[in-house]
Amino acid sequence: MANNALQELVEHTREELERSQTQLREIAMLVEQSRGEVDKLAQRNATFNSHLRQLQQNFETVPRSDVKATYDAVVESQQRLFTMRGQLEKLQGDQNSLDRYITYLKMVLEAIGEVPPGTPLPGVAGLGRGNGGNGSEPLVARIIDAQENERQRMSKAMHDGPAQSLTNFILQAEIVQRLFDSNPEQARAELQNLKSSATSTFQRVREFITELRPMMLDDLGLVPTARRYIKAFEEKSGIPTALTVTGEERRFEAHCEVLAFRAIQELLNNARTHSQCTQLRITLDVDESHVRAVVEDNGKGFDVGAVLAPDQKQHIGLSTLKEKAELLGGQLQIASVLGQGTKATIEIPISDINALA
């Protein structure tokens, strides 16, 4: 049995290595093409900006239709440049992830080559095919996919939000500058609009920062951070969300605090996006040996087996969350009935941070 398992692992790892190397070559070509396109768009953008500066020197005499057309062309050019740069950054991220994955696969093959034939290898099936040996992608690949999906989501959100707003700030500021001499009243009105837009964008940037890594988590720990996040979630989503905290509010290992918070974040976002719920309840319990987070909604429910299936891609965050919890000796359990809502429970073993010092 050990020989069969070892041979299966070797074959699967070699197949993964060949497939990944092929993907890496394809991505490398796309990266080069995207770099060329970014360079072209950057040159085009510079030409538009030069034309815009010339127009500004004759701002008072140029027809407003020409001004608008030029500004529209600049905005469109900058949007295309932002989009293409975002695509290039994603491709480069994929390229780096594949590089790391290929290195990992080579290390596995080297390690296997040093094991004498017939030696039992604990967890061989798990190494090659993820939990359960059911033919799913390796865990490292699923984690990379989840990270890249999140980066892509945040990149798109930044492009459509703050990046676009900053572009508009530049244009509004230039308009205000020109209007101060010719029409002070309109300039003041434009300046007030600019201030309102800046305030709104600043708030969105703070939300992005919180989504990426709330500083409270490092400073105060899980419970205070969860309280603030859930309150902000309720205000933003409009879904009544109740939090109950039981047990002892104390600090524990940083990686466990992060995983527990990410679990709450993932489960709440899934409920908001997919469940069509009108009410959410969260219970957070910290005892001597475990942290437990329970998220319940009264939404439409779903087929848990289908969502957590190895070959599905839409809800990779839940599958990866489950695997991360199991790597730490914990578990993620999801109970859902169509039309009757969902209850998700994550439990992670912890230690007192003071005892570790």
Protein backbone atom coordinates (compact mmCIF):
# COMPACT_ATOMS: atom_id res chain seq x y z
CA MET A 1 0.00 0.00 0.00
CA ALA A 2 2.81 2.36 0.89
CA ASN A 3 4.52 1.75 -2.48
CA ASN A 4 1.27 2.39 -4.34
CA ALA A 5 0.62 5.58 -2.41
CA LEU A 6 4.18 6.75 -3.00
CA GLN A 7 3.99 6.01 -6.73
CA GLU A 8 0.65 7.80 -6.97
CA LEU A 9 2.13 10.83 -5.25
CA VAL A 10 5.15 10.85 -7.55
CA GLU A 11 3.01 10.60 -10.69
CA HIS A 12 0.57 13.24 -9.55
CA THR A 13 3.36 15.62 -8.50
CA ARG A 14 5.13 15.22 -11.85
CA GLU A 15 1.90 15.89 -13.71
CA GLU A 16 1.30 18.98 -11.58
CA LEU A 17 4.86 20.14 -12.22
CA GLU A 18 4.55 19.77 -16.00
CA ARG A 19 1.16 21.47 -16.06
CA SER A 20 2.41 24.33 -13.88
CA GLN A 21 5.53 24.84 -15.98
CA THR A 22 3.35 25.03 -19.11
CA GLN A 23 1.11 27.59 -17.40
CA LEU A 24 4.15 29.57 -16.30
CA ARG A 25 5.43 29.80 -19.88
CA GLU A 26 2.00 30.96 -21.07
CA ILE A 27 1.75 33.57 -18.31
CA ALA A 28 5.28 34.80 -19.08
CA MET A 29 4.17 35.49 -22.66
CA LEU A 30 1.07 37.32 -21.44
CA VAL A 31 3.19 39.38 -19.04
CA GLU A 32 5.44 40.50 -21.87
CA GLN A 33 2.45 41.36 -24.06
CA SER A 34 0.80 43.27 -21.22
CA ARG A 35 3.99 45.20 -20.50
CA GLY A 36 4.12 46.29 -24.12
CA GLU A 37 0.48 47.38 -24.00
CA VAL A 38 1.06 49.30 -20.75
CA ASP A 39 4.01 51.11 -22.35
CA LYS A 40 1.89 52.07 -25.36
CA LEU A 41 -0.96 53.29 -23.16
CA ALA A 42 1.45 55.24 -20.97
CA GLN A 43 2.83 57.02 -24.05
CA ARG A 44 -0.72 57.70 -25.27
CA ASN A 45 -1.65 59.04 -21.85
CA ALA A 46 1.39 61.32 -21.84
CA THR A 47 0.35 62.70 -25.24
CA PHE A 48 -3.16 63.44 -23.97
CA ASN A 49 -1.78 65.12 -20.85
CA SER A 50 0.50 67.27 -22.99
CA HIS A 51 -2.49 68.31 -25.09
CA LEU A 52 -4.42 69.04 -21.91
CA ARG A 53 -1.66 71.34 -20.63
CA GLN A 54 -1.70 73.24 -23.91
CA LEU A 55 -5.45 73.59 -23.64
CA GLN A 56 -5.17 74.91 -20.09
CA GLN A 57 -2.89 77.69 -21.21
CA ASN A 58 -5.78 78.98 -23.34
CA PHE A 59 -8.56 77.91 -21.00
CA GLU A 60 -10.59 81.11 -21.32
CA THR A 61 -10.72 81.09 -25.13
CA VAL A 62 -11.19 77.38 -25.83
CA PRO A 63 -14.83 76.30 -26.37
CA ARG A 64 -16.29 74.29 -23.47
CA SER A 65 -17.11 71.45 -25.84
CA ASP A 66 -13.40 71.11 -26.66
CA VAL A 67 -12.51 71.26 -22.98
CA LYS A 68 -15.01 68.52 -22.17
CA ALA A 69 -13.88 66.35 -25.07
CA THR A 70 -10.25 66.63 -24.00
CA TYR A 71 -10.98 65.88 -20.35
CA ASP A 72 -13.13 62.90 -21.38
CA ALA A 73 -10.28 61.59 -23.53
CA VAL A 74 -7.84 61.99 -20.63
CA VAL A 75 -10.14 60.16 -18.21
CA GLU A 76 -10.71 57.32 -20.69
CA SER A 77 -6.98 57.01 -21.34
CA GLN A 78 -6.20 56.92 -17.63
CA GLN A 79 -8.91 54.36 -16.99
CA ARG A 80 -7.52 52.06 -19.68
CA LEU A 81 -4.03 52.52 -18.28
CA PHE A 82 -5.21 51.72 -14.73
CA THR A 83 -7.06 48.66 -15.98
CA MET A 84 -4.11 47.38 -17.98
CA ARG A 85 -1.72 47.96 -15.11
CA GLY A 86 -4.09 46.06 -12.83
CA GLN A 87 -4.15 43.18 -15.31
CA LEU A 88 -0.35 43.22 -15.51
CA GLU A 89 -0.07 43.19 -11.71
CA LYS A 90 -2.43 40.21 -11.51
CA LEU A 91 -0.47 38.32 -14.16
CA GLN A 92 2.76 39.07 -12.31
CA GLY A 93 1.12 37.85 -9.09
CA ASP A 94 0.05 34.64 -10.84
CA GLN A 95 3.57 34.29 -12.21
CA ASN A 96 5.12 34.64 -8.74
CA SER A 97 2.59 32.22 -7.24
CA LEU A 98 3.33 29.62 -9.91
CA ASP A 99 7.05 30.08 -9.34
CA ARG A 100 6.55 29.32 -5.65
CA TYR A 101 4.26 26.38 -6.43
CA ILE A 102 6.77 24.89 -8.88
CA THR A 103 9.52 25.26 -6.27
CA TYR A 104 7.27 23.46 -3.78
CA LEU A 105 6.59 20.61 -6.23
CA LYS A 106 10.29 20.19 -6.95
CA MET A 107 10.98 20.04 -3.21
CA VAL A 108 8.34 17.32 -2.85
CA LEU A 109 9.90 15.26 -5.64
CA GLU A 110 13.37 15.71 -4.16
CA ALA A 111 12.11 14.67 -0.73
CA ILE A 112 10.35 11.61 -2.13
CA GLY A 113 13.48 10.60 -3.99
CA GLU A 114 15.36 10.37 -0.69
CA VAL A 115 12.82 8.01 0.92
CA PRO A 116 13.71 4.28 0.71
CA PRO A 117 11.10 2.12 -1.15
CA GLY A 118 8.42 0.70 1.12
CA THR A 119 8.80 3.37 3.81
CA PRO A 120 5.34 4.50 4.99
CA LEU A 121 4.73 8.20 4.38
CA PRO A 122 2.21 9.73 6.81
CA GLY A 123 -0.31 11.90 5.02
CA VAL A 124 0.89 11.00 1.51
CA ALA A 125 -2.59 11.31 0.01
CA GLY A 126 -3.08 14.63 1.71
CA LEU A 127 0.17 15.99 0.33
CA GLY A 128 -0.68 15.10 -3.24
CA ARG A 129 -4.40 15.71 -3.48
CA GLY A 130 -5.65 17.82 -0.62
CA ASN A 131 -7.76 16.57 2.28
CA GLY A 132 -9.36 13.20 1.74
CA GLY A 133 -7.33 12.16 -1.34
CA ASN A 134 -10.38 12.74 -3.55
CA GLY A 135 -8.59 14.19 -6.56
CA SER A 136 -8.97 17.83 -5.58
CA GLU A 137 -6.24 20.41 -6.11
CA PRO A 138 -3.37 20.39 -3.61
CA LEU A 139 -3.98 22.64 -0.62
CA VAL A 140 -1.14 24.99 -1.56
CA ALA A 141 -2.76 25.55 -4.98
CA ARG A 142 -6.16 26.25 -3.41
CA ILE A 143 -4.64 28.75 -0.99
CA ILE A 144 -2.82 30.48 -3.85
CA ASP A 145 -6.06 30.63 -5.87
CA ALA A 146 -7.92 32.09 -2.91
CA GLN A 147 -5.22 34.72 -2.35
CA GLU A 148 -5.17 35.69 -6.01
CA ASN A 149 -8.97 35.91 -6.18
CA GLU A 150 -8.94 38.23 -3.18
CA ARG A 151 -6.18 40.36 -4.67
CA GLN A 152 -8.10 40.58 -7.93
CA ARG A 153 -11.26 41.63 -6.06
CA MET A 154 -9.41 44.31 -4.10
CA SER A 155 -7.58 45.52 -7.22
CA LYS A 156 -10.88 45.96 -9.05
CA ALA A 157 -12.44 47.67 -6.03
CA MET A 158 -9.48 50.07 -5.74
CA HIS A 159 -9.59 50.83 -9.47
CA ASP A 160 -13.34 51.42 -9.57
CA GLY A 161 -13.30 53.41 -6.32
CA PRO A 162 -10.34 55.44 -4.98
CA ALA A 163 -8.23 55.30 -8.14
CA GLN A 164 -11.05 56.70 -10.25
CA SER A 165 -11.85 59.29 -7.59
CA LEU A 166 -8.23 60.46 -7.48
CA THR A 167 -8.30 60.92 -11.24
CA ASN A 168 -11.40 63.06 -10.88
CA PHE A 169 -9.74 65.05 -8.05
CA ILE A 170 -6.94 66.09 -10.38
CA LEU A 171 -9.35 67.25 -13.04
CA GLN A 172 -11.60 69.06 -10.54
CA ALA A 173 -8.61 70.79 -8.95
CA GLU A 174 -7.45 72.05 -12.34
CA ILE A 175 -10.94 73.36 -13.12
CA VAL A 176 -11.10 75.14 -9.75
CA GLN A 177 -7.69 76.67 -10.34
CA ARG A 178 -8.85 78.14 -13.66
CA LEU A 179 -12.17 79.37 -12.29
CA PHE A 180 -10.78 81.33 -9.35
CA ASP A 181 -10.07 84.39 -11.51
CA SER A 182 -13.00 84.24 -13.91
CA ASN A 183 -15.83 82.93 -11.70
CA PRO A 184 -15.02 82.81 -7.95
CA GLU A 185 -18.53 81.69 -6.95
CA GLN A 186 -18.43 78.68 -9.24
CA ALA A 187 -14.88 77.97 -8.09
CA ARG A 188 -16.05 77.85 -4.46
CA ALA A 189 -18.89 75.52 -5.38
CA GLU A 190 -16.52 73.22 -7.25
CA LEU A 191 -14.13 73.32 -4.30
CA GLN A 192 -16.92 72.23 -1.94
CA ASN A 193 -17.75 69.35 -4.28
CA LEU A 194 -14.10 68.39 -4.31
CA LYS A 195 -14.00 68.41 -0.50
CA SER A 196 -17.08 66.19 -0.28
CA SER A 197 -15.63 63.75 -2.81
CA ALA A 198 -12.33 63.62 -0.92
CA THR A 199 -14.13 62.88 2.36
CA SER A 200 -16.11 60.08 0.77
CA THR A 201 -13.03 58.59 -0.88
CA PHE A 202 -11.07 58.75 2.37
CA GLN A 203 -13.81 56.76 4.09
CA ARG A 204 -13.73 54.13 1.34
CA VAL A 205 -9.94 53.85 1.64
CA ARG A 206 -10.30 53.27 5.38
CA GLU A 207 -12.82 50.51 4.64
CA PHE A 208 -10.37 48.88 2.22
CA ILE A 209 -7.63 49.03 4.86
CA THR A 210 -9.92 47.40 7.40
CA GLU A 211 -10.81 44.68 4.89
CA LEU A 212 -7.14 43.98 4.22
CA ARG A 213 -5.89 44.02 7.81
CA PRO A 214 -7.59 45.89 10.69
CA MET A 215 -4.91 47.42 12.92
CA MET A 216 -7.12 46.77 15.96
CA LEU A 217 -6.55 43.05 15.51
CA ASP A 218 -2.85 43.44 16.31
CA ASP A 219 -3.38 46.02 19.06
CA LEU A 220 -6.50 44.81 20.90
CA GLY A 221 -7.21 41.30 19.70
CA LEU A 222 -10.12 39.41 18.22
CA VAL A 223 -13.13 40.37 20.31
CA PRO A 224 -12.86 44.21 20.10
CA THR A 225 -12.01 43.97 16.40
CA ALA A 226 -14.98 41.68 15.74
CA ARG A 227 -17.31 44.08 17.60
CA ARG A 228 -16.24 47.06 15.50
CA TYR A 229 -16.23 45.12 12.23
CA ILE A 230 -19.71 43.68 12.81
CA LYS A 231 -21.08 47.10 13.71
CA ALA A 232 -19.62 48.58 10.51
CA PHE A 233 -20.93 45.60 8.54
CA GLU A 234 -24.45 46.19 9.87
CA GLU A 235 -24.34 49.89 9.01
CA LYS A 236 -23.01 49.27 5.50
CA SER A 237 -25.17 46.26 4.59
CA GLY A 238 -28.39 47.36 6.29
CA ILE A 239 -28.84 43.82 7.64
CA PRO A 240 -29.64 43.67 11.40
CA THR A 241 -26.64 41.85 12.86
CA ALA A 242 -26.41 40.81 16.51
CA LEU A 243 -23.18 39.77 18.26
CA THR A 244 -23.05 37.74 21.47
CA VAL A 245 -19.69 37.26 23.20
CA THR A 246 -19.24 34.53 25.78
CA GLY A 247 -16.26 33.15 27.66
CA GLU A 248 -13.14 35.15 28.45
CA GLU A 249 -12.09 38.12 26.36
CA ARG A 250 -8.38 37.43 26.15
CA ARG A 251 -5.53 37.35 23.69
CA PHE A 252 -4.24 34.17 22.08
CA GLU A 253 -1.87 33.23 19.24
CA ALA A 254 -1.83 35.83 16.47
CA HIS A 255 -2.38 33.33 13.64
CA CYS A 256 -5.45 31.94 15.42
CA GLU A 257 -6.84 35.44 15.99
CA VAL A 258 -6.35 36.21 12.31
CA LEU A 259 -8.03 33.00 11.15
CA ALA A 260 -10.99 33.48 13.50
CA PHE A 261 -11.47 37.06 12.29
CA ARG A 262 -11.14 36.06 8.62
CA ALA A 263 -13.70 33.34 9.21
CA ILE A 264 -16.23 35.85 10.57
CA GLN A 265 -15.42 38.20 7.71
CA GLU A 266 -15.81 35.49 5.05
CA LEU A 267 -19.03 34.09 6.49
CA LEU A 268 -20.64 37.53 6.84
CA ASN A 269 -19.67 38.56 3.32
CA ASN A 270 -21.03 35.29 1.93
CA ALA A 271 -24.30 35.79 3.81
CA ARG A 272 -24.63 39.34 2.48
CA THR A 273 -23.80 38.35 -1.09
CA HIS A 274 -25.62 35.05 -1.47
CA SER A 275 -28.14 34.33 1.28
CA GLN A 276 -30.72 37.11 0.76
CA CYS A 277 -31.09 37.12 4.56
CA THR A 278 -32.81 39.79 6.64
CA GLN A 279 -31.13 38.94 9.93
CA LEU A 280 -27.74 37.71 11.12
CA ARG A 281 -26.61 36.39 14.50
CA ILE A 282 -22.99 35.87 15.52
CA THR A 283 -21.81 34.11 18.66
CA LEU A 284 -18.15 34.40 19.61
CA ASP A 285 -16.89 32.22 22.44
CA VAL A 286 -13.38 32.02 23.88
CA ASP A 287 -12.70 29.35 26.49
CA GLU A 288 -9.50 27.89 27.90
CA SER A 289 -8.65 25.78 24.87
CA HIS A 290 -10.77 26.89 21.89
CA VAL A 291 -12.22 29.88 20.09
CA ARG A 292 -15.58 29.32 18.41
CA ALA A 293 -17.43 31.61 16.04
CA VAL A 294 -20.99 30.82 14.96
CA VAL A 295 -22.64 32.79 12.14
CA GLU A 296 -26.36 32.17 11.54
CA ASP A 297 -28.65 33.72 8.93
CA ASN A 298 -32.31 33.38 7.99
CA GLY A 299 -31.62 33.36 4.26
CA LYS A 300 -32.43 31.01 1.42
CA GLY A 301 -29.89 28.33 2.35
CA PHE A 302 -27.79 26.30 -0.06
CA ASP A 303 -26.44 22.84 -0.90
CA VAL A 304 -23.41 22.54 1.38
CA GLY A 305 -22.02 19.50 -0.44
CA ALA A 306 -22.04 21.28 -3.80
CA VAL A 307 -20.43 24.43 -2.41
CA LEU A 308 -17.61 22.54 -0.71
CA ALA A 309 -17.07 20.13 -3.61
CA PRO A 310 -13.37 19.84 -4.61
CA ASP A 311 -13.93 20.91 -8.22
CA GLN A 312 -16.02 24.02 -7.59
CA LYS A 313 -14.44 27.46 -7.99
CA GLN A 314 -17.14 29.96 -7.06
CA HIS A 315 -16.88 29.50 -3.28
CA ILE A 316 -13.19 28.67 -2.99
CA GLY A 317 -12.97 30.93 0.08
CA LEU A 318 -15.13 28.55 2.15
CA SER A 319 -13.16 25.48 1.06
CA THR A 320 -9.86 27.16 1.86
CA LEU A 321 -11.20 28.39 5.21
CA LYS A 322 -12.19 24.83 6.08
CA GLU A 323 -8.75 23.51 5.14
CA LYS A 324 -6.93 26.22 7.11
CA ALA A 325 -9.00 25.43 10.21
CA GLU A 326 -8.20 21.72 9.84
CA LEU A 327 -4.48 22.47 9.44
CA LEU A 328 -4.60 24.09 12.90
CA GLY A 329 -6.45 21.11 14.35
CA GLY A 330 -9.83 22.85 14.17
CA GLN A 331 -12.91 22.45 12.03
CA LEU A 332 -15.51 24.34 10.02
CA GLN A 333 -19.04 22.94 10.06
CA ILE A 334 -21.83 24.31 7.89
CA ALA A 335 -25.47 23.31 8.26
CA SER A 336 -27.93 24.71 5.72
CA VAL A 337 -31.44 23.87 4.59
CA LEU A 338 -32.95 25.38 1.44
CA GLY A 339 -35.39 28.08 2.48
CA GLN A 340 -34.44 27.83 6.16
CA GLY A 341 -31.12 29.62 6.47
CA THR A 342 -27.57 28.64 7.31
CA LYS A 343 -25.50 28.05 10.44
CA ALA A 344 -21.71 28.01 10.12
CA THR A 345 -19.42 27.16 13.05
CA ILE A 346 -15.65 27.43 13.09
CA GLU A 347 -13.69 26.08 16.06
CA ILE A 348 -9.93 26.50 16.51
CA PRO A 349 -7.72 25.23 19.35
CA ILE A 350 -5.82 28.05 21.09
CA SER A 351 -3.36 28.73 23.89
CA ASP A 352 -3.11 31.66 26.26
CA ILE A 353 -0.70 34.22 24.78
CA ASN A 354 0.62 35.01 28.28
CA ALA A 355 1.54 31.38 28.76
CA LEU A 356 3.54 31.46 25.52
CA ALA A 357 5.59 34.52 26.54
